[in-house]
Amino acid sequence: MSDNQLRLVWIYPDLLSTYGDQGNALVVERRARQRGLDVARLDVRSDQPIPTSGDIYLIGGGEDRPQRLAAERLRRDGHLHRAVENGAIVFSVCAGYQILGHEFINDLGQREPGLGLLDVVSVRGEGERCVGDVLGDIDPQLGLPQLTGFENHQGVTHLGPTARPFARVQIGKGNGTGDGTEGAYNGTVFGTYMHGPVLARNPLIADLLLKLALDVNALPPIDDRWYEALRNERIAAAQQPA
């Protein structure tokens, strides 16, 4: 942060905002403002350059063709790499998560290069699509409560040696590899398959992003009753017998 202003960047809402993931930007912005922070939010369309001076970058999910277009433009742009080198935090969902990896399968059935910001490779699953509520335990190193989210993907994402699983699922498919992992992270770069939007269901993940951006260990408390009601409802729903 500079000049006491948090710079929040929502990447390519015209391509990667199919499943309501823009709600993640709304949650981070609101929780920052509730703490008295001055927030400058920038929604960057796919025909615009990515700024390198952001503090938190958010990327959402999307269909196969928009995902390919987004990956192509982010590779040409190159600024997200520079932002991460400058210490920025990146939180990505579904198609955005796959784009941050080394490669994924595009809408043409071809291997599409990703950005290489996460040590993961995504392929297309051969079985049933992963759809439904998910519950999982987030990596204890992150100090966060149970993960709740909604997955809707055909992708299978394999983690390399430098990527840590973001969570391990109790209910749901997660990365689709059968090993119980969900999402991945390394340093300040995070990826998950969770929609919901995931930060509305898991507001303390949003707070983690804020703490990393502010370089603090704790934030002032705020009223979380609405978020807790939503969390409890979705957790209870996921635990109901199919």
Protein backbone atom coordinates (compact mmCIF):
# COMPACT_ATOMS: atom_id res chain seq x y z
CA MET A 1 0.00 0.00 0.00
CA SER A 2 1.01 3.58 -0.58
CA ASP A 3 -0.51 6.80 0.72
CA ASN A 4 -2.71 4.66 3.04
CA GLN A 5 -4.83 3.57 0.08
CA LEU A 6 -5.63 -0.06 -0.72
CA ARG A 7 -5.54 -0.70 -4.46
CA LEU A 8 -7.91 -3.49 -5.47
CA VAL A 9 -7.86 -4.77 -9.06
CA TRP A 10 -10.66 -6.90 -10.54
CA ILE A 11 -9.24 -8.54 -13.69
CA TYR A 12 -11.29 -8.90 -16.89
CA PRO A 13 -14.89 -8.68 -15.65
CA ASP A 14 -15.95 -8.82 -19.32
CA LEU A 15 -14.44 -12.31 -19.71
CA LEU A 16 -14.13 -13.88 -16.26
CA SER A 17 -17.24 -13.11 -14.24
CA THR A 18 -19.63 -15.87 -15.27
CA TYR A 19 -20.47 -17.34 -11.87
CA GLY A 20 -20.90 -14.23 -9.75
CA ASP A 21 -17.27 -14.11 -8.70
CA GLN A 22 -17.35 -10.32 -8.88
CA GLY A 23 -18.87 -10.68 -5.42
CA ASN A 24 -15.35 -11.41 -4.20
CA ALA A 25 -14.28 -7.89 -5.15
CA LEU A 26 -17.33 -6.46 -3.40
CA VAL A 27 -16.56 -8.38 -0.21
CA VAL A 28 -12.89 -7.37 -0.06
CA GLU A 29 -13.78 -3.74 -0.76
CA ARG A 30 -16.53 -3.64 1.88
CA ARG A 31 -14.47 -5.34 4.59
CA ALA A 32 -11.60 -2.94 3.94
CA ARG A 33 -13.90 0.10 4.14
CA GLN A 34 -15.46 -1.22 7.36
CA ARG A 35 -11.95 -1.00 8.83
CA GLY A 36 -11.66 2.63 7.76
CA LEU A 37 -9.36 1.94 4.82
CA ASP A 38 -9.40 4.11 1.73
CA VAL A 39 -10.00 1.72 -1.18
CA ALA A 40 -9.32 2.44 -4.84
CA ARG A 41 -11.01 -0.32 -6.87
CA LEU A 42 -10.17 -0.69 -10.54
CA ASP A 43 -12.13 -3.03 -12.84
CA VAL A 44 -9.78 -3.77 -15.75
CA ARG A 45 -11.41 -4.95 -18.97
CA SER A 46 -9.61 -7.28 -21.36
CA ASP A 47 -8.74 -4.44 -23.78
CA GLN A 48 -6.96 -2.51 -21.01
CA PRO A 49 -3.48 -2.99 -19.52
CA ILE A 50 -3.16 -4.54 -16.08
CA PRO A 51 -1.72 -2.00 -13.62
CA THR A 52 1.40 -3.12 -11.78
CA SER A 53 0.79 -1.02 -8.66
CA GLY A 54 -2.19 -2.95 -7.22
CA ASP A 55 -2.17 -4.52 -3.77
CA ILE A 56 -4.80 -7.25 -4.31
CA TYR A 57 -5.75 -8.75 -7.69
CA LEU A 58 -8.90 -10.86 -8.09
CA ILE A 59 -9.68 -13.16 -11.04
CA GLY A 60 -12.96 -15.02 -11.51
CA GLY A 61 -14.33 -17.97 -13.42
CA GLY A 62 -15.52 -18.14 -17.00
CA GLU A 63 -16.43 -20.34 -19.93
CA ASP A 64 -13.79 -22.10 -22.03
CA ARG A 65 -13.41 -19.59 -24.88
CA PRO A 66 -13.26 -16.48 -22.66
CA GLN A 67 -10.73 -18.35 -20.53
CA ARG A 68 -8.48 -18.86 -23.55
CA LEU A 69 -8.84 -15.21 -24.58
CA ALA A 70 -8.04 -14.06 -21.05
CA ALA A 71 -4.93 -16.25 -20.89
CA GLU A 72 -3.71 -14.95 -24.25
CA ARG A 73 -4.15 -11.31 -23.23
CA LEU A 74 -2.62 -11.75 -19.79
CA ARG A 75 0.43 -13.42 -21.34
CA ARG A 76 0.86 -10.59 -23.83
CA ASP A 77 0.32 -7.98 -21.14
CA GLY A 78 2.86 -9.44 -18.69
CA HIS A 79 2.02 -6.94 -15.96
CA LEU A 80 0.52 -9.42 -13.50
CA HIS A 81 3.93 -11.09 -13.20
CA ARG A 82 5.46 -7.72 -12.44
CA ALA A 83 2.81 -6.99 -9.82
CA VAL A 84 3.52 -10.30 -8.06
CA GLU A 85 7.23 -9.53 -8.15
CA ASN A 86 6.34 -6.24 -6.44
CA GLY A 87 4.63 -8.19 -3.63
CA ALA A 88 0.99 -8.08 -4.78
CA ILE A 89 -1.58 -10.65 -3.64
CA VAL A 90 -3.52 -12.61 -6.27
CA PHE A 91 -6.70 -14.57 -5.54
CA SER A 92 -8.13 -16.58 -8.44
CA VAL A 93 -11.19 -18.75 -8.95
CA CYS A 94 -11.86 -21.68 -11.33
CA ALA A 95 -10.86 -20.55 -14.86
CA GLY A 96 -8.69 -17.87 -13.27
CA TYR A 97 -7.04 -20.52 -11.09
CA GLN A 98 -6.20 -22.62 -14.14
CA ILE A 99 -4.81 -19.58 -15.97
CA LEU A 100 -2.34 -18.94 -13.14
CA GLY A 101 -0.86 -22.42 -13.61
CA HIS A 102 1.59 -23.67 -16.22
CA GLU A 103 -1.05 -24.87 -18.69
CA PHE A 104 -4.66 -25.97 -19.13
CA ILE A 105 -6.81 -27.45 -21.90
CA ASN A 106 -8.59 -24.75 -23.90
CA ASP A 107 -11.90 -24.76 -25.78
CA LEU A 108 -10.12 -26.14 -28.87
CA GLY A 109 -8.92 -29.20 -26.96
CA GLN A 110 -5.34 -27.93 -27.05
CA ARG A 111 -2.79 -27.26 -24.33
CA GLU A 112 -2.93 -23.56 -23.53
CA PRO A 113 0.04 -21.95 -21.73
CA GLY A 114 -0.82 -20.31 -18.45
CA LEU A 115 1.06 -17.64 -16.55
CA GLY A 116 3.18 -19.95 -14.41
CA LEU A 117 2.40 -18.05 -11.22
CA LEU A 118 1.27 -21.29 -9.55
CA ASP A 119 3.00 -24.65 -9.89
CA VAL A 120 -0.09 -26.45 -11.19
CA VAL A 121 -1.17 -28.09 -14.46
CA SER A 122 -4.84 -28.52 -15.39
CA VAL A 123 -6.33 -31.11 -17.73
CA ARG A 124 -9.90 -32.00 -18.65
CA GLY A 125 -11.51 -34.68 -16.50
CA GLU A 126 -12.93 -37.78 -18.16
CA GLY A 127 -15.63 -38.49 -15.59
CA GLU A 128 -18.65 -36.59 -14.40
CA ARG A 129 -18.48 -32.85 -14.02
CA CYS A 130 -17.66 -31.65 -10.48
CA VAL A 131 -20.79 -29.82 -9.37
CA GLY A 132 -22.11 -29.14 -5.88
CA ASP A 133 -21.40 -27.80 -2.43
CA VAL A 134 -17.96 -28.36 -0.95
CA LEU A 135 -16.70 -28.46 2.60
CA GLY A 136 -13.05 -28.68 3.46
CA ASP A 137 -10.29 -27.89 5.91
CA ILE A 138 -8.04 -25.03 4.84
CA ASP A 139 -4.28 -25.53 5.23
CA PRO A 140 -3.61 -25.06 8.98
CA GLN A 141 -0.68 -22.78 8.17
CA LEU A 142 -3.21 -20.16 7.03
CA GLY A 143 -5.11 -20.20 10.32
CA LEU A 144 -8.58 -20.13 8.75
CA PRO A 145 -11.83 -21.93 9.61
CA GLN A 146 -13.65 -24.53 7.52
CA LEU A 147 -13.98 -23.81 3.79
CA THR A 148 -17.42 -23.68 2.22
CA GLY A 149 -18.02 -23.17 -1.48
CA PHE A 150 -19.72 -24.35 -4.64
CA GLU A 151 -17.81 -26.09 -7.42
CA ASN A 152 -18.79 -26.34 -11.09
CA HIS A 153 -15.93 -27.52 -13.29
CA GLN A 154 -14.69 -30.31 -15.53
CA GLY A 155 -11.05 -29.53 -14.87
CA VAL A 156 -8.56 -31.70 -12.99
CA THR A 157 -5.66 -29.76 -11.50
CA HIS A 158 -2.41 -31.42 -10.46
CA LEU A 159 -0.11 -29.64 -8.01
CA GLY A 160 3.64 -29.45 -8.50
CA PRO A 161 6.21 -29.53 -5.70
CA THR A 162 6.17 -25.79 -4.94
CA ALA A 163 2.37 -25.49 -4.65
CA ARG A 164 0.59 -26.21 -1.38
CA PRO A 165 -3.04 -27.40 -1.34
CA PHE A 166 -5.28 -24.54 -0.26
CA ALA A 167 -7.61 -27.03 1.45
CA ARG A 168 -8.52 -30.70 1.78
CA VAL A 169 -12.13 -31.56 1.08
CA GLN A 170 -14.50 -33.55 3.27
CA ILE A 171 -17.39 -33.12 0.83
CA GLY A 172 -16.89 -32.46 -2.88
CA LYS A 173 -14.21 -33.11 -5.48
CA GLY A 174 -11.90 -30.08 -5.18
CA ASN A 175 -9.03 -30.37 -7.65
CA GLY A 176 -10.60 -33.51 -9.11
CA THR A 177 -7.47 -35.62 -8.70
CA GLY A 178 -8.96 -37.97 -6.12
CA ASP A 179 -6.41 -37.02 -3.47
CA GLY A 180 -8.77 -34.70 -1.60
CA THR A 181 -6.90 -31.49 -2.38
CA GLU A 182 -8.68 -28.25 -3.25
CA GLY A 183 -7.01 -25.24 -4.77
CA ALA A 184 -3.38 -24.27 -4.37
CA TYR A 185 -1.24 -21.44 -3.12
CA ASN A 186 2.35 -20.34 -2.99
CA GLY A 187 3.42 -17.18 -1.21
CA THR A 188 0.87 -14.49 -2.04
CA VAL A 189 -0.74 -16.28 -5.02
CA PHE A 190 -3.90 -18.29 -4.36
CA GLY A 191 -6.19 -20.41 -6.52
CA THR A 192 -9.43 -22.27 -5.81
CA TYR A 193 -12.33 -23.86 -7.66
CA MET A 194 -14.79 -22.44 -5.13
CA HIS A 195 -17.63 -20.16 -6.22
CA GLY A 196 -20.34 -18.94 -3.91
CA PRO A 197 -18.92 -16.27 -4.19
CA VAL A 198 -16.25 -17.87 -2.05
CA LEU A 199 -15.29 -14.73 -0.11
CA ALA A 200 -18.91 -14.10 0.90
CA ARG A 201 -19.07 -17.62 2.29
CA ASN A 202 -15.58 -17.34 3.81
CA PRO A 203 -15.01 -13.72 4.87
CA LEU A 204 -11.89 -14.57 6.85
CA ILE A 205 -10.19 -15.47 3.56
CA ALA A 206 -10.89 -11.89 2.46
CA ASP A 207 -9.41 -10.72 5.74
CA LEU A 208 -6.31 -12.84 5.10
CA LEU A 209 -5.81 -11.03 1.79
CA LEU A 210 -6.18 -7.69 3.58
CA LYS A 211 -3.69 -8.68 6.28
CA LEU A 212 -1.16 -9.72 3.65
CA ALA A 213 -1.65 -6.43 1.79
CA LEU A 214 -1.34 -4.40 5.00
CA ASP A 215 1.48 -6.60 6.38
CA VAL A 216 -0.29 -6.97 9.72
CA ASN A 217 -1.18 -9.97 11.89
CA ALA A 218 -4.67 -8.84 12.88
CA LEU A 219 -7.48 -6.53 11.79
CA PRO A 220 -10.02 -4.60 13.87
CA PRO A 221 -13.18 -6.70 14.45
CA ILE A 222 -16.35 -5.97 12.47
CA ASP A 223 -19.93 -7.23 12.52
CA ASP A 224 -19.86 -10.69 10.91
CA ARG A 225 -23.41 -11.81 11.75
CA TRP A 226 -24.60 -11.75 8.12
CA TYR A 227 -21.60 -13.73 6.92
CA GLU A 228 -21.91 -16.25 9.73
CA ALA A 229 -25.61 -16.79 8.94
CA LEU A 230 -24.73 -17.47 5.30
CA ARG A 231 -21.86 -19.79 6.27
CA ASN A 232 -23.98 -21.78 8.70
CA GLU A 233 -26.77 -22.15 6.16
CA ARG A 234 -24.47 -23.41 3.40
CA ILE A 235 -22.50 -25.71 5.68
CA ALA A 236 -25.72 -27.27 6.95
CA ALA A 237 -27.00 -27.67 3.39
CA ALA A 238 -23.81 -29.40 2.27
CA GLN A 239 -24.06 -31.86 5.15
CA GLN A 240 -27.58 -32.96 4.22
CA PRO A 241 -27.80 -36.45 2.68
CA ALA A 242 -27.96 -36.41 -1.13
